[in-house]
N, C-alpha and C. Protein backbone atom coordinates (compact mmCIF):
# COMPACT_ATOMS: atom_id res chain seq x y z
N UNK A 1 -11.54 4.58 11.30
CA UNK A 1 -11.96 3.14 11.22
C UNK A 1 -12.50 2.52 12.71
N UNK A 2 -13.69 2.39 13.23
CA UNK A 2 -13.97 1.59 13.98
C UNK A 2 -15.21 0.58 13.85
N UNK A 3 -15.04 0.21 13.03
CA UNK A 3 -16.20 -0.96 12.40
C UNK A 3 -15.64 -2.45 13.33
N UNK A 4 -14.67 -2.38 13.38
CA UNK A 4 -14.11 -3.78 14.40
C UNK A 4 -13.65 -3.57 15.84
N UNK A 5 -14.50 -2.31 16.30
CA UNK A 5 -14.10 -2.31 17.76
C UNK A 5 -14.22 -3.46 18.58
N UNK A 6 -15.45 -3.78 18.68
CA UNK A 6 -16.74 -4.67 19.22
C UNK A 6 -16.01 -6.52 18.78
N UNK A 7 -15.34 -6.55 17.89
CA UNK A 7 -14.47 -7.81 17.61
C UNK A 7 -13.19 -7.74 17.37
N UNK A 8 -12.10 -7.96 18.38
CA UNK A 8 -10.87 -8.09 18.09
C UNK A 8 -10.23 -8.96 17.22
N UNK A 9 -11.04 -10.21 17.22
CA UNK A 9 -10.71 -11.27 16.45
C UNK A 9 -10.62 -10.77 14.58
N UNK A 10 -11.97 -9.86 14.32
CA UNK A 10 -12.17 -9.66 13.08
C UNK A 10 -10.65 -8.65 12.66
N UNK A 11 -10.14 -7.38 13.71
CA UNK A 11 -9.38 -6.81 13.54
C UNK A 11 -7.84 -7.76 13.30
N UNK A 12 -7.59 -8.81 13.93
CA UNK A 12 -6.79 -9.92 13.57
C UNK A 12 -6.52 -10.36 12.17
N UNK A 13 -7.86 -10.97 12.14
CA UNK A 13 -8.05 -11.18 10.88
C UNK A 13 -7.48 -10.04 9.39
N UNK A 14 -8.32 -9.02 9.43
CA UNK A 14 -8.48 -8.04 8.34
C UNK A 14 -6.91 -7.68 8.52
N UNK A 15 -6.01 -7.61 9.41
CA UNK A 15 -4.60 -7.39 9.24
C UNK A 15 -3.87 -8.37 8.59
N UNK A 16 -4.48 -9.63 9.29
CA UNK A 16 -3.41 -10.69 8.41
C UNK A 16 -3.66 -10.81 7.01
N UNK A 17 -4.92 -10.86 6.70
CA UNK A 17 -4.94 -10.91 5.35
C UNK A 17 -4.75 -9.80 4.45
N UNK A 18 -4.61 -8.32 5.24
CA UNK A 18 -4.24 -7.46 4.38
C UNK A 18 -2.47 -7.33 4.37
N UNK A 19 -1.95 -8.04 5.30
CA UNK A 19 0.01 -8.07 4.99
C UNK A 19 -0.07 -9.15 4.10
N UNK A 20 -0.91 -10.46 4.19
CA UNK A 20 -0.33 -11.39 3.21
C UNK A 20 -1.15 -10.75 1.86
N UNK A 21 -2.14 -9.95 1.67
CA UNK A 21 -2.42 -9.63 0.32
C UNK A 21 -1.25 -8.90 -0.49
N UNK A 22 -0.86 -7.62 0.89
CA UNK A 22 0.52 -6.83 -0.02
C UNK A 22 1.63 -7.85 -0.27
N UNK A 23 1.86 -8.81 0.47
CA UNK A 23 3.25 -9.86 0.36
C UNK A 23 2.96 -10.62 -1.17
N UNK A 24 1.95 -10.88 -1.28
CA UNK A 24 1.53 -11.67 -2.72
C UNK A 24 2.25 -10.70 -3.94
N UNK A 25 1.10 -9.25 -3.34
CA UNK A 25 1.53 -8.71 -4.87
C UNK A 25 2.69 -8.21 -5.12
N UNK A 26 3.43 -8.04 -3.94
CA UNK A 26 5.14 -8.00 -3.97
C UNK A 26 5.71 -8.94 -4.83
N UNK A 27 5.52 -10.39 -3.97
CA UNK A 27 6.31 -11.55 -4.34
C UNK A 27 5.78 -11.75 -5.97
N UNK A 28 4.43 -11.62 -6.20
CA UNK A 28 4.10 -11.78 -7.85
C UNK A 28 4.43 -10.64 -8.89
N UNK A 29 4.70 -9.65 -8.43
CA UNK A 29 5.37 -8.81 -9.42
C UNK A 29 6.42 -9.32 -10.28
N UNK A 30 6.26 -9.08 -11.44
CA UNK A 30 7.32 -10.01 -12.59
C UNK A 30 8.16 -8.79 -12.90
N UNK A 31 8.18 -7.53 -12.29
CA UNK A 31 8.90 -6.06 -12.51
C UNK A 31 9.35 -5.95 -10.93
N UNK A 32 10.06 -4.91 -10.80
CA UNK A 32 10.24 -4.86 -9.49
C UNK A 32 9.38 -3.74 -9.08
N UNK A 33 9.07 -3.60 -7.55
CA UNK A 33 7.74 -2.79 -7.37
C UNK A 33 8.49 -1.42 -7.04
N UNK A 34 7.50 -0.70 -7.87
CA UNK A 34 8.07 0.72 -7.53
C UNK A 34 8.03 1.44 -6.06
N UNK A 35 8.80 2.22 -5.73
CA UNK A 35 8.90 2.90 -4.79
C UNK A 35 7.67 3.72 -4.13
N UNK A 36 7.36 4.67 -5.41
CA UNK A 36 6.30 5.01 -5.16
C UNK A 36 4.81 4.71 -6.05
N UNK A 37 4.00 4.88 -5.25
CA UNK A 37 2.53 4.40 -5.68
C UNK A 37 1.55 5.63 -5.75
N UNK A 38 0.52 5.58 -6.72
CA UNK A 38 -0.31 6.21 -6.73
C UNK A 38 -1.05 5.90 -6.41
N UNK A 39 -2.30 6.95 -6.04
CA UNK A 39 -3.42 6.75 -5.28
C UNK A 39 -4.12 5.29 -5.65
N UNK A 40 -4.54 5.17 -7.06
CA UNK A 40 -5.25 4.06 -7.77
C UNK A 40 -4.44 2.59 -7.40
N UNK A 41 -2.98 2.04 -6.88
CA UNK A 41 -2.53 1.25 -6.70
C UNK A 41 -2.51 1.17 -5.16
N UNK A 42 -2.55 2.19 -4.18
CA UNK A 42 -2.64 2.23 -2.80
C UNK A 42 -3.98 1.58 -2.75
N UNK A 43 -5.04 2.05 -3.61
CA UNK A 43 -6.70 1.97 -2.85
C UNK A 43 -6.62 0.37 -3.57
N UNK A 44 -6.13 -0.06 -4.65
CA UNK A 44 -5.95 -1.38 -4.85
C UNK A 44 -5.71 -2.64 -4.16
N UNK A 45 -4.38 -1.92 -3.66
CA UNK A 45 -3.43 -3.06 -2.63
C UNK A 45 -4.18 -3.01 -1.10
N UNK A 46 -4.88 -2.05 -0.78
CA UNK A 46 -5.59 -1.99 0.45
C UNK A 46 -7.13 -2.22 0.70
N UNK A 47 -7.72 -2.12 -0.91
CA UNK A 47 -9.22 -2.72 -0.97
C UNK A 47 -9.49 -1.61 -0.27
N UNK A 48 -9.59 -0.25 -0.59
CA UNK A 48 -10.23 0.74 0.18
C UNK A 48 -10.83 1.97 -0.58
N UNK A 49 -11.59 2.74 -0.18
CA UNK A 49 -12.50 3.63 -1.47
C UNK A 49 -11.69 4.64 -1.47
N UNK A 50 -11.92 5.77 -2.43
CA UNK A 50 -11.17 6.75 -2.60
C UNK A 50 -11.37 7.64 -1.30
N UNK A 51 -12.65 7.85 -0.32
CA UNK A 51 -12.75 8.65 0.53
C UNK A 51 -11.67 8.09 1.67
N UNK A 52 -11.97 6.67 2.10
CA UNK A 52 -10.78 6.17 3.05
C UNK A 52 -9.67 6.45 2.41
N UNK A 53 -9.03 6.11 1.52
CA UNK A 53 -7.73 6.82 1.32
C UNK A 53 -7.59 8.06 1.57
N UNK A 54 -8.31 9.13 1.35
CA UNK A 54 -8.31 10.90 1.79
C UNK A 54 -8.57 10.80 3.28
N UNK A 55 -8.99 10.31 3.65
CA UNK A 55 -9.47 10.23 5.35
C UNK A 55 -7.90 9.72 5.95
N UNK A 56 -7.33 8.52 5.57
CA UNK A 56 -6.03 8.18 5.74
C UNK A 56 -5.14 8.92 5.75
N UNK A 57 -4.94 9.92 4.48
CA UNK A 57 -3.86 10.76 4.34
C UNK A 57 -4.39 11.94 5.24
N UNK A 58 -5.42 12.53 5.25
CA UNK A 58 -5.56 13.35 5.91
C UNK A 58 -5.38 13.51 7.62
N UNK A 59 -5.83 12.21 7.95
CA UNK A 59 -5.42 12.02 9.73
C UNK A 59 -3.69 11.62 9.96
N UNK A 60 -3.15 11.68 8.96
CA UNK A 60 -1.73 11.18 8.89
C UNK A 60 -1.66 9.95 9.24
N UNK A 61 -2.55 8.84 9.15
CA UNK A 61 -2.16 7.55 9.21
C UNK A 61 -1.48 7.23 7.95
N UNK A 62 -1.46 7.37 7.06
CA UNK A 62 -0.74 7.33 5.57
C UNK A 62 0.02 8.44 4.95
N UNK A 63 1.35 8.75 5.43
CA UNK A 63 1.82 9.82 4.64
C UNK A 63 2.08 9.92 3.39
N UNK A 64 1.54 10.97 2.77
CA UNK A 64 1.49 11.33 0.91
C UNK A 64 2.06 12.27 0.53
N UNK A 65 2.45 12.38 -0.42
CA UNK A 65 3.34 13.26 -1.25
C UNK A 65 2.66 13.90 -2.52
N UNK A 66 2.17 14.92 -2.38
CA UNK A 66 1.52 15.69 -3.85
C UNK A 66 2.53 15.91 -4.77
N UNK A 67 2.43 16.17 -6.08
CA UNK A 67 2.86 16.51 -7.37
C UNK A 67 2.37 17.00 -8.22
N UNK A 68 1.96 18.45 -8.15
CA UNK A 68 1.08 18.65 -9.18
C UNK A 68 -0.11 18.45 -8.68
N UNK A 69 -1.34 17.63 -9.33
CA UNK A 69 -2.78 17.12 -8.81
C UNK A 69 -2.43 15.85 -8.38
N UNK A 70 -1.58 15.04 -8.57
CA UNK A 70 -1.34 13.47 -7.96
C UNK A 70 -0.63 13.58 -6.71
N UNK A 71 -1.42 12.34 -5.79
CA UNK A 71 -1.00 11.95 -4.72
C UNK A 71 -0.15 10.65 -4.94
N UNK A 72 1.14 10.78 -4.29
CA UNK A 72 2.16 9.73 -4.24
C UNK A 72 2.23 8.79 -2.81
N UNK A 73 2.35 7.68 -2.66
CA UNK A 73 2.69 6.74 -1.32
C UNK A 73 3.58 6.34 -1.54
N UNK A 74 4.66 5.97 -0.82
CA UNK A 74 5.89 5.04 -0.48
C UNK A 74 5.26 3.59 0.18
N UNK A 75 5.82 2.88 -0.40
CA UNK A 75 5.54 1.38 -0.07
C UNK A 75 5.98 1.16 1.22
N UNK A 76 7.13 1.74 1.25
CA UNK A 76 7.47 1.19 2.75
C UNK A 76 6.76 1.75 4.14
N UNK A 77 6.41 3.16 3.66
CA UNK A 77 5.78 3.32 4.52
C UNK A 77 4.36 3.16 4.59
N UNK A 78 3.50 2.97 3.67
CA UNK A 78 2.41 1.91 3.54
C UNK A 78 2.41 0.80 5.01
N UNK A 79 3.62 -0.26 4.43
CA UNK A 79 3.98 -1.60 5.33
C UNK A 79 4.35 -0.65 6.89
N UNK A 80 5.06 0.45 6.79
CA UNK A 80 5.20 0.71 8.57
C UNK A 80 3.81 1.31 9.20
N UNK A 81 2.71 1.73 8.49
CA UNK A 81 1.80 2.01 8.82
C UNK A 81 0.78 0.94 9.45
N UNK A 82 0.69 -0.03 8.43
CA UNK A 82 -0.09 -1.17 8.64
C UNK A 82 0.96 -1.89 10.38
N UNK A 83 2.06 -2.23 10.08
CA UNK A 83 2.75 -2.48 11.71
C UNK A 83 2.62 -1.56 12.74
N UNK A 84 2.32 -0.25 12.56
CA UNK A 84 2.30 0.51 13.36
C UNK A 84 0.59 0.34 14.09
N UNK A 85 -0.06 0.08 13.05
CA UNK A 85 -1.54 0.07 13.57
C UNK A 85 -1.64 -1.39 14.25
N UNK A 86 -0.95 -2.24 13.77
CA UNK A 86 -0.69 -3.78 14.41
C UNK A 86 -0.17 -3.83 16.02
N UNK A 87 0.79 -2.98 16.18
CA UNK A 87 1.74 -2.39 17.33
C UNK A 87 0.52 -1.89 18.22
N UNK A 88 -0.21 -0.98 17.96
CA UNK A 88 -1.11 -0.24 18.35
C UNK A 88 -2.42 -1.02 18.85
N UNK A 89 -2.62 -2.09 17.90
CA UNK A 89 -3.77 -2.75 18.63
C UNK A 89 -3.47 -3.67 19.60
N UNK A 90 -2.70 -4.34 19.56
CA UNK A 90 -1.87 -5.29 20.33
C UNK A 90 -1.65 -4.44 21.90
N UNK A 91 -1.08 -3.25 21.73
CA UNK A 91 -0.97 -2.72 23.06
C UNK A 91 -2.35 -2.22 23.61
N UNK A 92 -3.38 -1.89 22.79
CA UNK A 92 -4.75 -1.55 23.47
C UNK A 92 -5.53 -3.04 24.13
N UNK A 93 -5.32 -4.06 23.28
CA UNK A 93 -5.66 -5.14 23.74
C UNK A 93 -5.29 -5.60 25.19
N UNK A 94 -3.63 -5.34 25.22
CA UNK A 94 -3.18 -5.16 26.29
C UNK A 94 -3.78 -4.72 27.44
N UNK A 95 -3.70 -3.30 27.22
CA UNK A 95 -4.08 -2.75 28.50
C UNK A 95 -5.63 -3.31 28.91
N UNK A 96 -6.71 -3.49 28.03
CA UNK A 96 -8.15 -3.85 28.31
C UNK A 96 -7.92 -5.06 29.37
N UNK A 97 -6.76 -6.10 29.41
CA UNK A 97 -6.63 -6.99 30.18
C UNK A 97 -6.05 -6.80 31.46
């Protein structure tokens, strides 16, 4: 995903908004948040398309587990991937300076 390559502030805003959205989803749930999420819920949480989720799964950004024909994702691994992306970008920005 290089759509933000030229604008580090856009990257920062995107990840801030993404973490806020996920936290709100988790806090606003009336039932306990499931540990395992289906693809449709992950796409909804991250506001991404089928093909983007597939690319994230294929390139290893988001770990995924297949049972039969259904893909499952762990919420804690999604959060860890978001944090890892945040850390990776911080390091890259630091190297540019």
